N, C-alpha and C. Protein backbone atom coordinates (compact mmCIF):
# COMPACT_ATOMS: atom_id res chain seq x y z
N MET A 1 -3.47 -2.67 15.56
CA MET A 1 -4.86 -2.52 14.04
C MET A 1 -3.77 -1.17 13.71
N PHE A 2 -3.88 -1.74 11.92
CA PHE A 2 -3.08 -0.88 11.47
C PHE A 2 -4.97 -0.15 10.33
N ILE A 3 -4.53 1.45 10.47
CA ILE A 3 -5.62 1.69 9.78
C ILE A 3 -4.40 2.76 8.73
N VAL A 4 -5.56 2.41 7.32
CA VAL A 4 -4.94 3.40 6.41
C VAL A 4 -5.97 4.43 6.01
N THR A 5 -5.54 5.09 5.83
CA THR A 5 -6.09 6.39 5.15
C THR A 5 -5.58 7.39 4.53
N ALA A 6 -6.60 7.64 3.24
CA ALA A 6 -6.22 7.62 1.79
C ALA A 6 -6.56 8.75 1.23
N ASP A 7 -5.80 9.78 1.08
CA ASP A 7 -6.57 10.87 0.20
C ASP A 7 -6.18 11.29 -1.26
N GLN A 8 -6.85 11.20 -2.25
CA GLN A 8 -7.11 11.36 -3.64
C GLN A 8 -6.01 12.86 -4.08
N ARG A 9 -5.16 12.47 -4.43
CA ARG A 9 -4.30 13.77 -4.69
C ARG A 9 -5.08 13.80 -6.21
N ASP A 10 -4.98 16.18 -6.39
CA ASP A 10 -5.33 16.79 -6.93
C ASP A 10 -7.14 16.44 -7.23
N SER A 11 -7.75 15.72 -6.40
CA SER A 11 -9.27 15.63 -6.51
C SER A 11 -10.15 16.61 -7.07
N GLN A 12 -9.32 17.80 -7.17
CA GLN A 12 -10.51 18.90 -7.91
C GLN A 12 -10.12 19.26 -9.02
N THR A 13 -9.30 19.13 -9.44
CA THR A 13 -9.11 18.94 -11.03
C THR A 13 -9.20 17.77 -11.39
N GLY A 14 -9.54 16.39 -10.97
CA GLY A 14 -9.63 14.71 -11.51
C GLY A 14 -10.95 14.57 -11.72
N ALA A 15 -11.08 13.59 -11.87
CA ALA A 15 -12.31 12.32 -11.81
C ALA A 15 -12.04 11.87 -10.18
N ASP A 16 -13.58 11.68 -9.57
CA ASP A 16 -13.50 11.00 -8.15
C ASP A 16 -12.93 9.90 -8.02
N LEU A 17 -12.01 9.44 -8.09
CA LEU A 17 -11.13 7.72 -7.83
C LEU A 17 -11.27 6.59 -6.70
N VAL A 18 -12.35 7.79 -5.66
CA VAL A 18 -12.70 6.99 -4.45
C VAL A 18 -13.13 5.63 -4.37
N PRO A 19 -14.39 5.54 -5.22
CA PRO A 19 -14.63 3.80 -5.98
C PRO A 19 -13.58 2.69 -6.36
N ALA A 20 -12.62 3.59 -7.47
CA ALA A 20 -11.36 2.75 -7.07
C ALA A 20 -10.87 2.34 -6.39
N GLY A 21 -10.50 3.51 -6.09
CA GLY A 21 -9.85 3.37 -4.35
C GLY A 21 -10.00 2.25 -3.03
N ILE A 22 -11.41 2.06 -3.28
CA ILE A 22 -12.11 1.35 -2.06
C ILE A 22 -11.79 -0.24 -2.97
N ALA A 23 -12.54 -0.16 -3.86
CA ALA A 23 -11.84 -1.59 -4.80
C ALA A 23 -10.67 -1.75 -4.91
N THR A 24 -9.75 -0.79 -4.64
CA THR A 24 -7.92 -1.51 -5.32
C THR A 24 -7.50 -1.79 -3.40
N VAL A 25 -8.30 -0.95 -2.13
CA VAL A 25 -8.06 -1.87 -0.74
C VAL A 25 -8.56 -2.62 -0.66
N GLU A 26 -9.76 -3.27 -0.84
CA GLU A 26 -10.39 -4.78 -0.67
C GLU A 26 -10.15 -5.79 -1.80
N ARG A 27 -9.38 -5.54 -2.49
CA ARG A 27 -8.37 -6.14 -3.48
C ARG A 27 -6.98 -7.02 -2.07
N ALA A 28 -6.71 -5.39 -1.85
CA ALA A 28 -5.12 -5.85 -1.51
C ALA A 28 -5.19 -6.70 -0.37
N ALA A 29 -6.10 -5.73 0.60
CA ALA A 29 -5.94 -5.70 2.15
C ALA A 29 -6.91 -8.04 2.17
N ALA A 30 -7.88 -8.32 1.08
CA ALA A 30 -8.48 -9.59 1.30
C ALA A 30 -8.37 -9.97 2.92
N ASP A 31 -8.22 -10.59 3.10
CA ASP A 31 -8.73 -10.90 4.24
C ASP A 31 -8.26 -10.39 5.65
N GLY A 32 -7.77 -9.53 5.04
CA GLY A 32 -6.87 -8.50 6.26
C GLY A 32 -7.80 -7.70 6.65
N LEU A 33 -8.88 -7.00 6.39
CA LEU A 33 -9.89 -6.18 6.90
C LEU A 33 -10.32 -6.21 8.15
N ALA A 34 -10.63 -5.87 9.45
CA ALA A 34 -11.20 -5.83 10.06
C ALA A 34 -12.72 -4.58 9.69
N LEU A 35 -12.37 -3.84 9.19
CA LEU A 35 -12.84 -2.64 9.01
C LEU A 35 -13.05 -2.99 7.37
N PRO A 36 -14.71 -2.35 6.67
CA PRO A 36 -14.38 -2.78 4.91
C PRO A 36 -13.90 -0.83 4.24
N PRO A 37 -12.94 -1.08 3.62
CA PRO A 37 -12.95 0.37 3.17
C PRO A 37 -13.82 1.43 3.24
N GLU A 38 -14.18 2.48 3.39
CA GLU A 38 -15.04 3.28 2.95
C GLU A 38 -15.32 4.96 2.57
N ARG A 39 -15.68 5.66 2.25
CA ARG A 39 -15.65 7.42 1.73
C ARG A 39 -15.67 7.91 3.48
N THR A 40 -14.75 8.63 3.97
CA THR A 40 -14.99 8.91 5.43
C THR A 40 -14.84 10.57 4.80
N ALA A 41 -14.61 11.50 3.63
CA ALA A 41 -14.38 12.84 3.33
C ALA A 41 -14.68 13.23 2.02
N GLY A 42 -15.55 13.22 1.22
CA GLY A 42 -15.04 14.06 0.06
C GLY A 42 -14.13 12.57 -0.63
N ASP A 43 -12.91 13.12 -0.21
CA ASP A 43 -11.74 12.48 -1.46
C ASP A 43 -11.13 11.59 -0.99
N GLU A 44 -11.73 11.06 0.04
CA GLU A 44 -10.71 10.36 1.42
C GLU A 44 -11.45 9.12 1.91
N ILE A 45 -10.79 8.03 1.85
CA ILE A 45 -10.46 6.78 2.18
C ILE A 45 -9.77 6.33 3.38
N GLN A 46 -11.11 5.20 3.88
CA GLN A 46 -10.08 5.18 5.08
C GLN A 46 -10.66 3.27 5.65
N ALA A 47 -9.48 2.89 5.98
CA ALA A 47 -10.09 1.31 6.46
C ALA A 47 -9.40 0.83 8.00
N ALA A 48 -9.90 -0.21 8.11
CA ALA A 48 -8.99 -1.16 9.89
C ALA A 48 -8.84 -2.16 9.11
N ILE A 49 -6.91 -2.07 9.24
CA ILE A 49 -6.39 -4.01 8.52
C ILE A 49 -6.08 -4.26 10.03
N THR A 50 -6.26 -5.87 10.23
CA THR A 50 -5.63 -6.74 11.01
C THR A 50 -4.25 -7.45 11.00
N SER A 51 -3.62 -6.90 9.76
CA SER A 51 -2.09 -7.32 9.73
C SER A 51 -1.76 -6.94 9.10
N ALA A 52 -0.46 -6.62 9.11
CA ALA A 52 1.03 -5.61 8.90
C ALA A 52 1.05 -6.23 7.39
N ALA A 53 0.83 -7.33 7.32
CA ALA A 53 0.80 -8.05 5.36
C ALA A 53 0.24 -7.31 4.67
N SER A 54 -1.52 -7.24 5.17
CA SER A 54 -2.27 -6.54 4.27
C SER A 54 -2.24 -5.23 4.51
N ALA A 55 -1.97 -4.24 5.56
CA ALA A 55 -1.55 -3.02 5.70
C ALA A 55 -0.47 -2.47 4.03
N LEU A 56 0.21 -3.72 4.32
CA LEU A 56 2.28 -3.35 3.26
C LEU A 56 1.22 -3.47 2.22
N ALA A 57 0.52 -4.45 1.20
CA ALA A 57 -0.35 -4.53 0.48
C ALA A 57 -0.64 -3.87 0.19
N VAL A 58 -1.66 -2.95 1.13
CA VAL A 58 -2.65 -1.95 0.51
C VAL A 58 -1.47 -0.99 0.28
N ILE A 59 -1.32 -0.54 0.96
CA ILE A 59 -0.12 0.62 0.58
C ILE A 59 0.50 0.45 -0.48
N LEU A 60 1.29 -0.18 -1.04
CA LEU A 60 1.87 -0.42 -2.30
C LEU A 60 0.93 -0.30 -3.54
N ALA A 61 -0.41 -1.02 -3.59
CA ALA A 61 -1.44 -1.16 -4.36
C ALA A 61 -1.69 0.39 -4.44
N LEU A 62 -1.83 0.86 -3.52
CA LEU A 62 -3.02 2.91 -3.61
C LEU A 62 -1.16 3.58 -4.37
N THR A 63 -0.18 3.20 -4.08
CA THR A 63 0.64 3.93 -3.84
C THR A 63 1.30 4.09 -5.66
N ARG A 64 0.72 3.16 -6.07
CA ARG A 64 1.80 2.47 -6.93
C ARG A 64 0.38 3.74 -8.85
N ALA A 65 -0.46 3.58 -8.53
CA ALA A 65 -1.10 4.44 -8.98
C ALA A 65 -0.61 5.89 -8.84
N GLU A 66 -0.40 6.65 -7.89
CA GLU A 66 0.41 7.94 -7.85
C GLU A 66 -0.25 8.73 -8.06
N THR A 67 -1.81 8.67 -7.49
CA THR A 67 -2.95 9.67 -7.05
C THR A 67 -3.57 9.73 -5.45
N TRP A 68 -2.79 8.83 -5.36
CA TRP A 68 -3.42 9.01 -3.66
C TRP A 68 -1.85 9.52 -2.98
N SER A 69 -2.30 9.65 -1.78
CA SER A 69 -1.25 10.14 -0.54
C SER A 69 -1.35 9.02 0.87
N VAL A 70 -1.14 8.39 1.39
CA VAL A 70 -1.14 7.09 1.91
C VAL A 70 -1.12 7.82 3.54
N GLY A 71 -1.60 7.08 4.37
CA GLY A 71 -1.14 7.33 5.81
C GLY A 71 -1.45 5.85 6.72
N LEU A 72 -0.31 5.28 7.17
CA LEU A 72 -0.63 3.96 8.25
C LEU A 72 -0.57 5.14 9.45
N GLY A 73 -1.72 4.68 9.94
CA GLY A 73 -1.55 4.96 11.79
C GLY A 73 -1.22 3.37 12.03
N VAL A 74 -0.69 3.44 13.55
CA VAL A 74 -0.33 1.93 14.06
C VAL A 74 -0.38 1.53 15.14
N GLY A 75 -1.74 1.31 16.38
CA GLY A 75 -1.87 1.39 17.89
C GLY A 75 -2.62 0.63 18.02
N ASP A 76 -4.11 0.99 18.86
CA ASP A 76 -5.15 0.64 19.63
C ASP A 76 -6.17 1.10 19.18
N VAL A 77 -7.49 0.46 19.06
CA VAL A 77 -8.61 0.75 18.50
C VAL A 77 -9.35 1.22 19.70
N GLU A 78 -10.47 1.65 19.65
CA GLU A 78 -11.80 1.09 20.58
C GLU A 78 -12.17 -0.32 19.96
N ALA A 79 -12.79 -1.31 21.79
CA ALA A 79 -13.02 -2.34 21.09
C ALA A 79 -14.39 -2.25 21.56
N PRO A 80 -15.55 -2.66 21.98
CA PRO A 80 -15.77 -3.38 20.00
C PRO A 80 -15.54 -2.66 18.84
N LEU A 81 -14.95 -3.32 18.21
CA LEU A 81 -15.92 -2.17 16.57
C LEU A 81 -16.76 -1.90 16.54
N PRO A 82 -17.53 -0.34 15.62
CA PRO A 82 -18.71 -0.36 14.97
C PRO A 82 -18.22 -1.51 13.66
N ARG A 83 -19.52 -1.31 13.31
CA ARG A 83 -20.06 -1.84 11.46
C ARG A 83 -19.61 -1.29 11.33
N GLU A 84 -19.11 0.95 11.08
CA GLU A 84 -18.89 0.93 10.26
C GLU A 84 -17.10 1.85 10.35
N VAL A 85 -16.16 1.68 9.64
CA VAL A 85 -15.14 2.44 10.00
C VAL A 85 -15.13 3.64 10.97
N ARG A 86 -15.92 4.72 10.11
CA ARG A 86 -16.47 6.11 10.54
C ARG A 86 -16.76 5.82 11.97
N ALA A 87 -16.93 5.05 12.26
CA ALA A 87 -17.56 5.39 13.93
C ALA A 87 -16.78 4.85 14.69
N ALA A 88 -15.44 4.52 14.20
CA ALA A 88 -14.19 3.49 15.17
C ALA A 88 -13.82 4.28 15.78
N ARG A 89 -12.43 4.25 16.97
CA ARG A 89 -11.58 5.29 17.47
C ARG A 89 -10.81 4.88 18.37
N GLY A 90 -9.93 5.60 18.32
CA GLY A 90 -8.69 5.05 19.03
C GLY A 90 -7.83 5.62 18.57
N ALA A 91 -6.42 5.35 19.08
CA ALA A 91 -4.70 5.85 18.38
C ALA A 91 -4.44 6.22 17.69
N ALA A 92 -4.82 4.99 16.93
CA ALA A 92 -4.53 3.89 15.22
C ALA A 92 -5.11 5.21 13.96
N PHE A 93 -6.78 5.72 14.82
CA PHE A 93 -7.36 6.53 14.15
C PHE A 93 -6.41 7.70 13.69
N VAL A 94 -6.21 8.65 15.39
CA VAL A 94 -5.40 9.48 14.97
C VAL A 94 -4.08 9.35 14.30
N ARG A 95 -3.87 8.80 14.46
CA ARG A 95 -1.97 8.48 13.99
C ARG A 95 -2.03 8.21 12.66
N ALA A 96 -3.51 7.65 12.34
CA ALA A 96 -3.26 7.66 10.32
C ALA A 96 -3.52 9.06 10.00
N ARG A 97 -4.51 9.85 11.20
CA ARG A 97 -4.48 11.31 10.61
C ARG A 97 -3.22 12.05 10.35
N ASP A 98 -2.18 11.78 11.08
CA ASP A 98 -1.33 12.45 11.30
C ASP A 98 0.17 12.07 9.94
N ALA A 99 -0.62 11.13 9.74
CA ALA A 99 0.38 10.13 8.87
C ALA A 99 -0.23 10.49 7.42
N VAL A 100 -1.10 10.56 6.64
CA VAL A 100 -1.59 11.33 5.90
C VAL A 100 -1.78 12.53 5.41
N ASP A 101 -1.29 13.40 6.74
CA ASP A 101 -1.19 14.62 6.87
C ASP A 101 0.35 15.14 6.63
N ARG A 102 1.15 14.23 6.63
CA ARG A 102 2.55 14.13 6.25
C ARG A 102 3.24 13.44 5.09
N ALA A 103 2.44 12.60 4.58
CA ALA A 103 2.43 11.47 3.33
C ALA A 103 1.96 12.93 2.61
N LYS A 104 1.23 13.49 2.22
CA LYS A 104 0.63 14.81 1.06
C LYS A 104 1.64 15.97 1.01
N LYS A 105 2.86 16.21 1.77
CA LYS A 105 3.73 16.02 1.80
C LYS A 105 5.27 15.77 1.16
N ALA A 106 4.92 14.59 1.55
CA ALA A 106 6.26 14.04 1.10
C ALA A 106 5.98 13.51 -0.95
N PRO A 107 6.99 13.10 -1.32
CA PRO A 107 7.81 13.07 -2.52
C PRO A 107 7.24 11.31 -2.96
N SER A 108 7.06 10.64 -1.27
CA SER A 108 6.52 8.97 -1.98
C SER A 108 5.23 9.17 -1.35
N ARG A 109 4.57 9.99 -1.32
CA ARG A 109 3.32 9.57 -0.81
C ARG A 109 3.14 8.90 0.14
N ILE A 110 4.03 8.48 1.22
CA ILE A 110 3.50 7.17 2.22
C ILE A 110 4.10 8.38 3.59
N ALA A 111 2.98 8.03 4.56
CA ALA A 111 3.48 8.52 6.28
C ALA A 111 3.06 7.05 6.45
N ILE A 112 4.47 7.19 8.03
CA ILE A 112 3.81 5.93 8.87
C ILE A 112 3.79 6.43 10.54
N SER A 113 2.93 6.72 10.88
CA SER A 113 2.73 6.77 12.13
C SER A 113 2.51 5.68 13.55
N GLY A 114 3.56 5.66 14.36
CA GLY A 114 2.88 4.45 15.45
C GLY A 114 4.39 4.64 16.40
N GLU A 115 4.33 4.51 17.51
CA GLU A 115 5.35 4.33 18.39
C GLU A 115 6.53 3.17 17.83
N GLY A 116 7.61 4.29 16.93
CA GLY A 116 8.89 3.21 16.92
C GLY A 116 8.51 3.38 15.53
N ALA A 117 7.80 4.57 14.55
CA ALA A 117 7.97 3.90 13.28
C ALA A 117 8.25 4.53 11.84
N GLY A 118 9.70 4.99 12.72
CA GLY A 118 10.40 5.86 11.54
C GLY A 118 11.32 5.35 10.80
N ASP A 119 11.83 3.78 11.69
CA ASP A 119 12.74 2.99 10.09
C ASP A 119 11.39 1.89 9.62
N ALA A 120 10.07 1.88 9.98
CA ALA A 120 9.26 1.56 9.37
C ALA A 120 8.77 2.72 7.98
N GLU A 121 8.74 3.44 8.39
CA GLU A 121 8.72 4.45 7.49
C GLU A 121 9.79 4.29 6.33
N ALA A 122 10.75 4.93 6.75
CA ALA A 122 12.09 5.39 5.75
C ALA A 122 12.09 4.08 4.62
N LEU A 123 11.91 2.89 5.43
CA LEU A 123 12.12 1.66 4.71
C LEU A 123 10.87 1.51 3.47
N VAL A 124 9.88 1.49 3.92
CA VAL A 124 8.59 1.73 2.85
C VAL A 124 8.19 2.34 1.84
N ARG A 125 8.87 4.57 2.13
CA ARG A 125 9.44 5.09 1.40
C ARG A 125 10.34 4.76 0.56
N LEU A 126 11.49 3.91 1.04
CA LEU A 126 12.60 3.60 0.03
C LEU A 126 12.16 2.69 -1.06
N LEU A 127 11.39 1.09 -0.95
CA LEU A 127 10.57 0.49 -1.63
C LEU A 127 9.49 1.50 -2.86
N VAL A 128 8.72 1.86 -2.06
CA VAL A 128 7.62 3.24 -3.27
C VAL A 128 8.63 3.98 -4.38
N GLU A 129 9.58 4.30 -3.38
CA GLU A 129 10.61 4.90 -4.90
C GLU A 129 10.94 4.56 -5.80
N LEU A 130 11.68 3.12 -5.01
CA LEU A 130 12.19 2.52 -6.51
C LEU A 130 10.76 1.49 -6.93
N ARG A 131 9.75 1.55 -6.77
CA ARG A 131 8.51 1.30 -8.27
C ARG A 131 8.50 2.05 -8.49
N ASP A 132 8.65 3.59 -7.51
CA ASP A 132 8.10 5.12 -8.62
C ASP A 132 9.05 4.92 -9.96
N ARG A 133 10.32 3.66 -10.40
CA ARG A 133 11.18 4.15 -11.12
C ARG A 133 11.01 3.42 -12.04
N ARG A 134 9.93 2.30 -12.01
CA ARG A 134 9.63 1.02 -13.02
C ARG A 134 8.84 1.43 -14.16
N THR A 135 9.21 1.11 -15.33
CA THR A 135 8.54 1.46 -16.21
C THR A 135 7.74 0.88 -16.60
N ASP A 136 6.88 1.11 -17.81
CA ASP A 136 5.53 0.19 -18.43
C ASP A 136 5.91 -1.01 -18.21
N GLU A 137 7.16 -2.29 -19.08
CA GLU A 137 7.51 -2.80 -19.08
C GLU A 137 7.84 -3.26 -18.15
N GLY A 138 8.87 -3.15 -17.04
CA GLY A 138 8.67 -3.99 -15.85
C GLY A 138 7.20 -3.88 -15.23
N TRP A 139 6.17 -3.03 -15.24
CA TRP A 139 5.31 -3.33 -14.47
C TRP A 139 4.31 -4.78 -14.84
N GLU A 140 4.40 -4.67 -16.31
CA GLU A 140 4.21 -5.48 -17.28
C GLU A 140 4.53 -7.33 -16.44
N VAL A 141 6.57 -7.05 -16.85
CA VAL A 141 6.83 -8.65 -16.15
C VAL A 141 6.08 -8.55 -15.05
N HIS A 142 6.03 -7.44 -13.33
CA HIS A 142 5.72 -7.60 -12.38
C HIS A 142 4.29 -8.69 -12.41
N ASP A 143 3.34 -8.01 -12.93
CA ASP A 143 2.25 -8.08 -12.69
C ASP A 143 1.83 -9.84 -13.37
N LEU A 144 2.60 -9.74 -14.52
CA LEU A 144 2.23 -11.41 -14.75
C LEU A 144 3.28 -12.73 -13.95
N LEU A 145 4.58 -11.93 -13.42
CA LEU A 145 4.83 -13.33 -12.03
C LEU A 145 3.95 -13.42 -11.01
N VAL A 146 3.36 -12.09 -10.30
CA VAL A 146 2.64 -11.72 -9.46
C VAL A 146 1.61 -12.72 -9.59
N GLY A 147 1.08 -12.63 -10.45
CA GLY A 147 0.38 -13.47 -11.40
C GLY A 147 0.30 -15.44 -11.30
N GLY A 148 1.33 -15.96 -11.18
CA GLY A 148 1.57 -17.08 -10.57
C GLY A 148 2.56 -17.89 -11.49
N ILE A 149 2.61 -16.98 -13.02
CA ILE A 149 3.16 -17.74 -14.23
C ILE A 149 5.01 -17.54 -13.94
N THR A 150 5.69 -18.56 -14.27
CA THR A 150 7.20 -18.37 -14.78
C THR A 150 8.21 -17.04 -15.37
N GLN A 151 8.99 -16.78 -15.71
CA GLN A 151 9.40 -15.59 -16.40
C GLN A 151 9.38 -16.79 -17.51
N ARG A 152 9.43 -18.09 -17.70
CA ARG A 152 9.52 -18.53 -19.58
C ARG A 152 7.89 -18.14 -19.80
N GLU A 153 6.64 -18.18 -19.26
CA GLU A 153 5.61 -18.66 -19.10
C GLU A 153 5.83 -16.72 -20.38
N ALA A 154 5.81 -16.44 -19.00
CA ALA A 154 5.95 -14.12 -19.06
C ALA A 154 6.30 -14.09 -20.92
N ALA A 155 7.77 -14.42 -20.74
CA ALA A 155 8.09 -14.04 -22.60
C ALA A 155 7.49 -14.67 -23.25
N GLU A 156 6.30 -15.95 -23.30
CA GLU A 156 5.70 -16.18 -24.26
C GLU A 156 4.59 -15.97 -24.50
N ARG A 157 4.06 -15.22 -23.29
CA ARG A 157 2.60 -14.73 -22.97
C ARG A 157 2.97 -12.81 -24.30
N ILE A 158 4.62 -12.67 -23.71
CA ILE A 158 4.58 -11.39 -23.71
C ILE A 158 4.86 -11.41 -25.54
N GLY A 159 5.71 -12.00 -25.41
CA GLY A 159 6.23 -12.07 -27.07
C GLY A 159 7.04 -12.37 -27.36
N ILE A 160 8.71 -11.82 -25.90
CA ILE A 160 9.89 -11.86 -26.37
C ILE A 160 10.69 -13.00 -25.15
N SER A 161 11.55 -12.79 -25.50
CA SER A 161 12.66 -14.13 -25.06
C SER A 161 13.16 -13.33 -23.47
N GLU A 162 13.30 -14.78 -23.13
CA GLU A 162 13.59 -15.19 -21.52
C GLU A 162 14.75 -14.25 -21.27
N GLY A 163 15.48 -14.16 -21.99
CA GLY A 163 16.35 -12.85 -21.97
C GLY A 163 16.30 -11.91 -21.21
N ALA A 164 15.64 -11.42 -22.34
CA ALA A 164 14.22 -10.20 -22.10
C ALA A 164 13.57 -9.97 -21.12
N VAL A 165 13.07 -10.71 -20.62
CA VAL A 165 12.31 -11.12 -19.81
C VAL A 165 13.35 -10.50 -18.54
N SER A 166 14.07 -11.88 -18.40
CA SER A 166 15.41 -11.65 -17.04
C SER A 166 16.11 -10.75 -16.86
N ARG A 167 16.03 -9.50 -17.99
CA ARG A 167 16.72 -8.28 -17.97
C ARG A 167 15.79 -6.76 -17.66
N ARG A 168 13.72 -7.46 -17.25
CA ARG A 168 13.11 -6.70 -17.39
C ARG A 168 13.01 -6.73 -15.88
N VAL A 169 13.08 -8.17 -15.30
CA VAL A 169 13.18 -8.08 -13.97
C VAL A 169 14.15 -7.45 -13.50
N SER A 170 15.80 -7.30 -13.55
CA SER A 170 16.74 -7.08 -13.03
C SER A 170 16.41 -5.37 -13.14
N THR A 171 16.45 -4.73 -14.16
CA THR A 171 15.92 -3.55 -13.98
C THR A 171 14.72 -3.34 -13.56
N ALA A 172 14.12 -3.63 -13.10
CA ALA A 172 12.32 -3.53 -12.23
C ALA A 172 12.26 -3.68 -11.11
N ALA A 173 14.41 -4.11 -10.89
CA ALA A 173 14.17 -4.38 -9.13
C ALA A 173 13.19 -5.34 -8.67
N LEU A 174 12.68 -6.17 -8.76
CA LEU A 174 11.48 -6.90 -8.79
C LEU A 174 12.01 -8.56 -7.61
N ARG A 175 13.25 -8.72 -7.67
CA ARG A 175 14.20 -9.69 -6.93
C ARG A 175 14.06 -8.56 -5.88
N THR A 176 14.68 -7.46 -6.10
CA THR A 176 14.48 -6.71 -4.06
C THR A 176 13.35 -6.38 -4.04
N GLU A 177 11.91 -6.19 -4.49
CA GLU A 177 11.16 -5.97 -4.31
C GLU A 177 10.86 -7.54 -3.12
N GLU A 178 10.82 -8.16 -4.32
CA GLU A 178 10.04 -9.59 -3.60
C GLU A 178 10.61 -10.23 -2.18
N ALA A 179 12.07 -9.59 -2.11
CA ALA A 179 13.33 -9.53 -0.95
C ALA A 179 12.53 -8.90 0.44
N ALA A 180 12.36 -7.62 -0.29
CA ALA A 180 12.09 -6.37 0.88
C ALA A 180 10.82 -6.86 1.09
N VAL A 181 9.36 -7.27 0.96
CA VAL A 181 8.63 -7.17 1.61
C VAL A 181 8.20 -8.32 2.88
N PRO A 182 8.75 -9.33 2.36
CA PRO A 182 8.57 -10.21 3.73
C PRO A 182 9.29 -9.35 4.96
N ALA A 183 10.30 -8.83 5.20
CA ALA A 183 11.21 -7.23 6.05
C ALA A 183 10.21 -6.79 6.37
N LEU A 184 9.95 -6.12 5.23
CA LEU A 184 9.16 -4.70 5.81
C LEU A 184 7.79 -5.25 6.25
N THR A 185 6.86 -6.34 6.33
CA THR A 185 6.00 -6.75 6.79
C THR A 185 6.40 -6.92 8.41
N ARG A 186 7.40 -7.51 8.49
CA ARG A 186 8.04 -8.73 10.18
C ARG A 186 8.45 -6.88 10.99
N ILE A 187 8.85 -5.54 10.59
CA ILE A 187 9.20 -4.15 10.70
C ILE A 187 7.35 -3.71 11.25
N LEU A 188 7.01 -4.18 10.60
CA LEU A 188 5.63 -3.28 10.29
C LEU A 188 4.66 -4.75 11.71
N GLU A 189 4.98 -5.46 11.49
CA GLU A 189 4.57 -6.57 13.02
C GLU A 189 4.57 -5.65 14.36
N ALA A 190 5.79 -5.46 14.18
CA ALA A 190 6.66 -5.12 15.41
C ALA A 190 5.88 -3.92 15.89
N LEU A 191 5.55 -3.39 15.01
CA LEU A 191 5.32 -2.03 15.55
C LEU A 191 3.86 -2.12 16.53
N ASP A 192 2.82 -3.93 16.10
CA ASP A 192 1.50 -4.05 15.89
C ASP A 192 1.87 -4.96 17.57
N PRO A 193 2.07 -5.50 18.67
CA PRO A 193 2.06 -5.92 18.89
C PRO A 193 0.70 -7.00 19.61
N ASP A 194 0.25 -6.73 19.22
CA ASP A 194 -1.04 -7.30 20.06
C ASP A 194 -1.79 -8.17 18.97
């Protein structure tokens, strides 16, 4: 199982982002939630996730805002699962705690803990750092293309040429991310063979 523990950065000086963070996790994880996200302590949220794809989607959604330190713990959880994530236990939860503590000190705000998780953590950090360099214009094209429209349609919607959209796609490394996500999903799946 995949456990995400996310801690709001600079929470003592900013607004409470936990409700928005919970909504982000719910949207990103979609049907991959084993236990819904909830506030577990002050400015922290936690969720139990069944699939590597959903776990990666949550990581990418939370780190995009640069307001969360995100830890992913991979491993066993005690069965049967309780109704609330706060009541759940197991190695994956302990690992998620370790990971979020390390993520707080990492420039990419992400850490992964589990048997053999070093490669997965390094590669996910690379992707997060690549995304951190993306401009608002790059994100604008990203969001349109992820929404299922073509580059031509994106150009029309934004009011720029197709060539300008292609340059944004290239500069924002959207095709690199598009290729990396399935590969990273497979690497994360290998960490949790159950």
